[in-house]
Protein backbone atom coordinates (compact mmCIF):
# COMPACT_ATOMS: atom_id res chain seq x y z
CA MET A 1 0.00 0.00 0.00
CA LYS A 2 1.43 3.34 -1.09
CA PRO A 3 1.28 6.05 1.58
CA SER A 4 -0.66 9.24 0.86
CA ILE A 5 2.57 11.21 1.31
CA PRO A 6 5.99 10.10 0.09
CA TRP A 7 8.14 7.97 2.36
CA ARG A 8 10.82 10.04 4.11
CA ILE A 9 14.26 8.50 3.71
CA LEU A 10 17.36 9.68 5.58
CA VAL A 11 20.60 9.03 3.72
CA THR A 12 23.79 9.05 5.77
CA ASP A 13 27.25 8.76 4.27
CA ARG A 14 30.59 10.29 5.15
CA ASN A 15 31.20 11.13 1.48
CA PRO A 16 29.16 14.13 0.26
CA ARG A 17 29.27 12.89 -3.36
CA VAL A 18 27.84 9.53 -2.37
CA ARG A 19 25.15 11.25 -0.28
CA ARG A 20 24.15 13.42 -3.25
CA LEU A 21 24.08 10.44 -5.61
CA LEU A 22 21.95 8.34 -3.26
CA CYS A 23 19.60 11.23 -2.56
CA ARG A 24 19.13 11.91 -6.25
CA GLU A 25 18.50 8.25 -7.05
CA LEU A 26 16.00 7.80 -4.22
CA GLU A 27 14.20 11.04 -5.13
CA ARG A 28 13.78 9.67 -8.67
CA GLU A 29 11.95 6.74 -7.07
CA GLY A 30 9.47 9.19 -5.53
CA PHE A 31 10.88 9.25 -2.00
CA ARG A 32 11.29 12.44 0.01
CA VAL A 33 14.99 12.36 0.91
CA LEU A 34 17.02 14.05 3.63
CA SER A 35 20.76 13.68 4.15
CA ALA A 36 23.10 13.62 7.12
CA SER A 37 26.86 13.41 7.55
CA GLY A 38 27.06 12.75 11.28
CA TRP A 39 25.25 11.71 14.43
CA GLY A 40 23.86 15.16 15.34
CA GLU A 41 22.18 15.52 11.96
CA ILE A 42 20.87 11.94 12.16
CA ALA A 43 19.37 12.51 15.61
CA ARG A 44 17.65 15.72 14.48
CA ALA A 45 16.21 14.11 11.35
CA VAL A 46 14.96 11.06 13.26
CA SER A 47 13.32 13.24 15.91
CA ASN A 48 11.60 15.23 13.14
CA GLY A 49 10.33 12.01 11.57
CA VAL A 50 11.76 9.75 8.91
CA ASP A 51 10.51 6.38 7.67
CA CYS A 52 13.82 4.68 6.90
CA VAL A 53 17.54 5.35 7.33
CA VAL A 54 20.22 4.38 4.83
CA MET A 55 23.36 4.26 6.97
CA ASP A 56 27.05 4.24 6.17
CA LEU A 57 28.94 2.42 8.92
CA ASN A 58 31.99 4.64 8.38
CA LEU A 59 30.43 7.89 9.55
CA PRO A 60 32.63 10.25 11.52
CA SER A 61 32.78 9.00 15.07
CA GLN A 62 31.24 10.71 18.04
CA ALA A 63 33.17 10.44 21.29
CA GLY A 64 35.05 7.43 19.96
CA GLN A 65 31.96 5.55 18.77
CA ASP A 66 32.12 3.62 15.53
CA GLY A 67 29.28 3.05 13.07
CA ALA A 68 28.09 -0.05 14.90
CA ALA A 69 27.78 1.91 18.16
CA LEU A 70 25.90 4.68 16.36
CA LEU A 71 23.53 2.09 14.86
CA GLU A 72 22.94 0.60 18.31
CA GLN A 73 22.17 4.04 19.71
CA LEU A 74 19.82 4.79 16.81
CA LYS A 75 17.93 1.52 17.35
CA ARG A 76 17.68 2.18 21.11
CA ASN A 77 16.17 5.61 20.42
CA ALA A 78 13.94 4.49 17.54
CA PRO A 79 13.49 0.69 17.60
CA TYR A 80 10.61 0.86 15.10
CA LEU A 81 12.75 2.59 12.45
CA PRO A 82 14.07 0.40 9.62
CA VAL A 83 17.77 0.87 8.89
CA VAL A 84 19.42 -0.23 5.65
CA VAL A 85 23.15 -0.51 6.23
CA HIS A 86 25.12 0.55 3.14
CA ALA A 87 28.60 -0.97 3.54
CA PHE A 88 31.62 -1.68 1.37
CA SER A 89 31.14 -5.37 2.05
CA SER A 90 28.77 -7.58 3.98
CA GLU A 91 31.88 -8.74 5.86
CA GLU A 92 32.33 -5.15 7.09
CA ALA A 93 28.75 -5.19 8.40
CA LEU A 94 29.22 -8.64 9.90
CA GLU A 95 32.46 -7.62 11.63
CA ALA A 96 30.72 -4.54 13.02
CA GLY A 97 28.01 -6.79 14.47
CA THR A 98 25.27 -4.86 12.75
CA LEU A 99 23.38 -7.68 11.06
CA ARG A 100 21.15 -8.21 14.09
CA LEU A 101 20.13 -4.52 14.11
CA ALA A 102 19.87 -3.78 10.40
CA SER A 103 16.67 -4.31 8.45
CA ALA A 104 18.88 -4.98 5.40
CA VAL A 105 22.53 -4.79 4.39
CA VAL A 106 23.47 -3.63 0.89
CA GLU A 107 26.98 -3.67 -0.44
CA LYS A 108 28.33 -0.43 -1.92
CA SER A 109 28.89 -1.31 -5.53
CA GLY A 110 28.24 1.88 -7.48
CA ASN A 111 24.94 0.41 -8.70
CA THR A 112 22.05 1.88 -6.72
CA GLU A 113 19.40 -0.61 -7.86
CA ASP A 114 20.05 -3.03 -4.99
CA LEU A 115 19.86 -0.21 -2.47
CA LYS A 116 16.60 1.15 -3.90
CA ALA A 117 15.13 -2.37 -3.87
CA ALA A 118 16.18 -2.88 -0.23
CA VAL A 119 14.58 0.42 0.82
CA ARG A 120 11.34 -0.49 -0.97
CA ARG A 121 11.42 -3.97 0.61
CA VAL A 122 11.88 -2.79 4.22
CA LEU A 123 9.16 -0.17 3.80
CA ALA A 124 6.79 -2.78 2.33
CA HIS A 125 7.23 -4.95 5.43
CA GLY A 126 5.90 -2.36 7.85
CA SER A 127 4.92 1.21 8.37
CA GLY A 128 8.52 2.41 8.34
CA GLY A 129 9.06 5.10 10.93
CA ARG A 130 5.41 6.18 10.76
CA LYS A 131 3.60 5.51 13.95
CA ALA A 132 0.02 4.30 13.62
C-alpha cells in the first residue's frame, strides 16, 4: 500500500558525493529524501520524523563511537525505524556486528538498484518510521 505522502528516507554517508548520488536516485523513485553526515544531523532528522535510514557504517565517530555503536544508539532511540546498512562489504557489516540490528545490508557497488530495492522492501514490510 502506497502512503498518501511520500516515504521520508534519511541518507547518511561520510562522502558528500555519495550522499548526493543516493539522494538523487531515491528522489527519482518518488521518496522524500534528507541527508546527514554525522550523528547530530541523524538525531535531528529522526526526531523530526523519517521512515527509513540508509546508513554508512563509516560515519565520523562521536566520542570514539564507531558506526556499529551509532547504529545501536539509533535503534535504542527508535526501535521501530528500519535501517538499511550501506557498507563496502557484507563482511564489514558482519564484523561490526550490525546484522542483528539492520533491516537490510546492501553492499556499496556503485549500482544503486540493490539499495533502492532494499529500501522499498523494508518499507513494504511495515509502516517504516510512521507511527500508527
